Amino acid sequence: MGAWPVRWAGAATAAYGVGILVRPQLMARPCGLDDEDGSVPAATALLIRAVGARDLASGLAMLAAKEGAALRAATACRVASDLGDAVLFGTQLPDPAARRKAAAVAGGWGALCAVAGLASRSVRK
């Protein structure tokens, strides 16, 4: 199998990054970080947009990296970011239900990217 699983995961990651850059509510609401009226506090929106910029950059790296070591490194950075999110959101969000949901989603994306990397012959070179 070529690099397409990693490229697909990178494209999906980049798209999500753009989504939360433009609409921080997409991440704030499921994490329980929005206000009662659905708005997102400015400081929270800033930090969510920083996560979006990171996700956009790491997703684009997975799309653009040359096969071999560069693609392995891009994939490893993405997996590490997702696992870090899973641990931090899973332990630090104020609402227990949101902690579980955010940890499951972030951990799931990390696992998906790891499996994509392992399945891609181009990454294993």
C-alpha atoms as a PDB file:
ATOM      1  CA  MET A   1       0.000   0.000   0.000  1.00  0.00           C
ATOM      2  CA  GLY A   2       1.415   3.394  -0.942  1.00  0.00           C
ATOM      3  CA  ALA A   3       1.251   6.591   1.041  1.00  0.00           C
ATOM      4  CA  TRP A   4      -2.440   7.248   0.440  1.00  0.00           C
ATOM      5  CA  PRO A   5      -3.616   6.316   3.989  1.00  0.00           C
ATOM      6  CA  VAL A   6      -1.243   8.896   5.487  1.00  0.00           C
ATOM      7  CA  ARG A   7      -2.117  11.458   2.811  1.00  0.00           C
ATOM      8  CA  TRP A   8      -5.833  10.939   3.493  1.00  0.00           C
ATOM      9  CA  ALA A   9      -5.327  11.334   7.254  1.00  0.00           C
ATOM     10  CA  GLY A  10      -3.247  14.454   6.584  1.00  0.00           C
ATOM     11  CA  ALA A  11      -5.959  15.956   4.386  1.00  0.00           C
ATOM     12  CA  ALA A  12      -8.624  15.254   7.017  1.00  0.00           C
ATOM     13  CA  THR A  13      -6.419  16.756   9.735  1.00  0.00           C
ATOM     14  CA  ALA A  14      -5.728  19.880   7.648  1.00  0.00           C
ATOM     15  CA  ALA A  15      -9.443  20.283   6.900  1.00  0.00           C
ATOM     16  CA  TYR A  16     -10.309  20.068  10.596  1.00  0.00           C
ATOM     17  CA  GLY A  17      -7.580  22.607  11.344  1.00  0.00           C
ATOM     18  CA  VAL A  18      -9.108  25.054   8.874  1.00  0.00           C
ATOM     19  CA  GLY A  19     -12.548  24.360  10.331  1.00  0.00           C
ATOM     20  CA  ILE A  20     -11.598  25.292  13.887  1.00  0.00           C
ATOM     21  CA  LEU A  21      -9.512  28.239  12.725  1.00  0.00           C
ATOM     22  CA  VAL A  22     -12.621  29.663  11.077  1.00  0.00           C
ATOM     23  CA  ARG A  23     -15.188  28.426  13.621  1.00  0.00           C
ATOM     24  CA  PRO A  24     -13.708  27.705  17.051  1.00  0.00           C
ATOM     25  CA  GLN A  25     -17.195  26.623  18.167  1.00  0.00           C
ATOM     26  CA  LEU A  26     -16.625  23.345  16.290  1.00  0.00           C
ATOM     27  CA  MET A  27     -14.163  22.357  19.011  1.00  0.00           C
ATOM     28  CA  ALA A  28     -15.393  24.480  21.916  1.00  0.00           C
ATOM     29  CA  ARG A  29     -18.918  23.077  22.011  1.00  0.00           C
ATOM     30  CA  PRO A  30     -18.067  19.347  22.278  1.00  0.00           C
ATOM     31  CA  CYS A  31     -15.354  20.182  24.823  1.00  0.00           C
ATOM     32  CA  GLY A  32     -17.801  22.168  26.944  1.00  0.00           C
ATOM     33  CA  LEU A  33     -15.740  25.333  26.523  1.00  0.00           C
ATOM     34  CA  ASP A  34     -18.507  27.501  25.075  1.00  0.00           C
ATOM     35  CA  ASP A  35     -20.746  29.833  27.055  1.00  0.00           C
ATOM     36  CA  GLU A  36     -24.398  29.080  27.758  1.00  0.00           C
ATOM     37  CA  ASP A  37     -25.434  31.167  24.728  1.00  0.00           C
ATOM     38  CA  GLY A  38     -23.121  29.139  22.463  1.00  0.00           C
ATOM     39  CA  SER A  39     -20.496  31.849  22.132  1.00  0.00           C
ATOM     40  CA  VAL A  40     -16.821  31.112  22.685  1.00  0.00           C
ATOM     41  CA  PRO A  41     -14.826  33.353  25.034  1.00  0.00           C
ATOM     42  CA  ALA A  42     -12.090  35.248  23.187  1.00  0.00           C
ATOM     43  CA  ALA A  43      -9.235  33.607  25.126  1.00  0.00           C
ATOM     44  CA  THR A  44     -10.659  30.143  24.456  1.00  0.00           C
ATOM     45  CA  ALA A  45     -11.137  30.931  20.759  1.00  0.00           C
ATOM     46  CA  LEU A  46      -7.507  32.072  20.579  1.00  0.00           C
ATOM     47  CA  LEU A  47      -6.207  28.800  22.001  1.00  0.00           C
ATOM     48  CA  ILE A  48      -8.515  26.711  19.816  1.00  0.00           C
ATOM     49  CA  ARG A  49      -7.276  28.610  16.761  1.00  0.00           C
ATOM     50  CA  ALA A  50      -3.705  27.822  17.825  1.00  0.00           C
ATOM     51  CA  VAL A  51      -4.642  24.119  17.869  1.00  0.00           C
ATOM     52  CA  GLY A  52      -6.203  24.648  14.439  1.00  0.00           C
ATOM     53  CA  ALA A  53      -3.000  26.178  13.097  1.00  0.00           C
ATOM     54  CA  ARG A  54      -1.031  23.222  14.474  1.00  0.00           C
ATOM     55  CA  ASP A  55      -3.447  20.741  12.926  1.00  0.00           C
ATOM     56  CA  LEU A  56      -3.369  22.545   9.582  1.00  0.00           C
ATOM     57  CA  ALA A  57       0.436  22.567   9.566  1.00  0.00           C
ATOM     58  CA  SER A  58       0.813  18.925  10.586  1.00  0.00           C
ATOM     59  CA  GLY A  59      -1.855  17.817   8.115  1.00  0.00           C
ATOM     60  CA  LEU A  60      -0.166  19.698   5.282  1.00  0.00           C
ATOM     61  CA  ALA A  61       3.158  18.141   6.296  1.00  0.00           C
ATOM     62  CA  MET A  62       1.597  14.687   5.990  1.00  0.00           C
ATOM     63  CA  LEU A  63       0.304  15.633   2.548  1.00  0.00           C
ATOM     64  CA  ALA A  64       3.530  17.174   1.257  1.00  0.00           C
ATOM     65  CA  ALA A  65       6.336  15.181   2.896  1.00  0.00           C
ATOM     66  CA  LYS A  66       8.510  13.038   0.691  1.00  0.00           C
ATOM     67  CA  GLU A  67       8.154   9.317   1.215  1.00  0.00           C
ATOM     68  CA  GLY A  68      10.425   7.749   3.800  1.00  0.00           C
ATOM     69  CA  ALA A  69      11.897   9.542   6.804  1.00  0.00           C
ATOM     70  CA  ALA A  70      10.133  12.866   6.186  1.00  0.00           C
ATOM     71  CA  LEU A  71       6.734  11.209   5.966  1.00  0.00           C
ATOM     72  CA  ARG A  72       7.490   9.119   9.071  1.00  0.00           C
ATOM     73  CA  ALA A  73       8.414  12.267  10.984  1.00  0.00           C
ATOM     74  CA  ALA A  74       5.300  14.148   9.867  1.00  0.00           C
ATOM     75  CA  THR A  75       3.107  11.205  10.841  1.00  0.00           C
ATOM     76  CA  ALA A  76       4.854  10.793  14.210  1.00  0.00           C
ATOM     77  CA  CYS A  77       4.340  14.489  14.995  1.00  0.00           C
ATOM     78  CA  ARG A  78       0.650  14.170  14.201  1.00  0.00           C
ATOM     79  CA  VAL A  79       0.280  11.071  16.380  1.00  0.00           C
ATOM     80  CA  ALA A  80       2.156  12.734  19.255  1.00  0.00           C
ATOM     81  CA  SER A  81      -0.050  15.830  18.997  1.00  0.00           C
ATOM     82  CA  ASP A  82      -3.223  13.737  19.094  1.00  0.00           C
ATOM     83  CA  LEU A  83      -2.008  11.672  22.021  1.00  0.00           C
ATOM     84  CA  GLY A  84      -1.060  14.841  23.883  1.00  0.00           C
ATOM     85  CA  ASP A  85      -4.531  16.236  23.210  1.00  0.00           C
ATOM     86  CA  ALA A  86      -6.111  13.000  24.438  1.00  0.00           C
ATOM     87  CA  VAL A  87      -4.199  13.162  27.715  1.00  0.00           C
ATOM     88  CA  LEU A  88      -4.658  16.881  28.314  1.00  0.00           C
ATOM     89  CA  PHE A  89      -8.302  17.191  27.253  1.00  0.00           C
ATOM     90  CA  GLY A  90      -9.071  13.867  28.893  1.00  0.00           C
ATOM     91  CA  THR A  91      -7.771  15.059  32.252  1.00  0.00           C
ATOM     92  CA  GLN A  92      -8.185  18.845  32.257  1.00  0.00           C
ATOM     93  CA  LEU A  93     -11.552  19.755  30.714  1.00  0.00           C
ATOM     94  CA  PRO A  94     -14.021  20.907  33.360  1.00  0.00           C
ATOM     95  CA  ASP A  95     -16.861  18.513  32.425  1.00  0.00           C
ATOM     96  CA  PRO A  96     -16.276  14.757  32.906  1.00  0.00           C
ATOM     97  CA  ALA A  97     -18.470  13.813  29.914  1.00  0.00           C
ATOM     98  CA  ALA A  98     -16.574  16.265  27.708  1.00  0.00           C
ATOM     99  CA  ARG A  99     -13.258  14.868  29.014  1.00  0.00           C
ATOM    100  CA  ARG A 100     -14.235  11.349  27.955  1.00  0.00           C
ATOM    101  CA  LYS A 101     -15.527  12.470  24.562  1.00  0.00           C
ATOM    102  CA  ALA A 102     -12.522  14.672  23.764  1.00  0.00           C
ATOM    103  CA  ALA A 103     -10.051  12.005  24.886  1.00  0.00           C
ATOM    104  CA  ALA A 104     -11.802   9.390  22.751  1.00  0.00           C
ATOM    105  CA  VAL A 105     -11.854  11.602  19.653  1.00  0.00           C
ATOM    106  CA  ALA A 106      -8.243  12.765  19.997  1.00  0.00           C
ATOM    107  CA  GLY A 107      -7.025   9.276  20.871  1.00  0.00           C
ATOM    108  CA  GLY A 108      -9.003   7.867  17.965  1.00  0.00           C
ATOM    109  CA  TRP A 109      -7.394  10.288  15.516  1.00  0.00           C
ATOM    110  CA  GLY A 110      -3.979   9.477  16.928  1.00  0.00           C
ATOM    111  CA  ALA A 111      -4.656   5.772  16.490  1.00  0.00           C
ATOM    112  CA  LEU A 112      -6.000   6.325  12.973  1.00  0.00           C
ATOM    113  CA  CYS A 113      -2.875   8.253  11.970  1.00  0.00           C
ATOM    114  CA  ALA A 114      -0.620   5.628  13.573  1.00  0.00           C
ATOM    115  CA  VAL A 115      -2.391   2.812  11.731  1.00  0.00           C
ATOM    116  CA  ALA A 116      -2.255   4.815   8.484  1.00  0.00           C
ATOM    117  CA  GLY A 117       1.482   5.212   8.985  1.00  0.00           C
ATOM    118  CA  LEU A 118       1.976   1.534   9.722  1.00  0.00           C
ATOM    119  CA  ALA A 119      -0.148   0.531   6.722  1.00  0.00           C
ATOM    120  CA  SER A 120       1.715   2.807   4.322  1.00  0.00           C
ATOM    121  CA  ARG A 121       4.689   1.127   2.737  1.00  0.00           C
ATOM    122  CA  SER A 122       5.985   4.609   1.859  1.00  0.00           C
ATOM    123  CA  VAL A 123       6.254   5.535   5.520  1.00  0.00           C
ATOM    124  CA  ARG A 124       8.055   2.329   6.495  1.00  0.00           C
ATOM    125  CA  LYS A 125      10.892   2.796   3.940  1.00  0.00           C
END
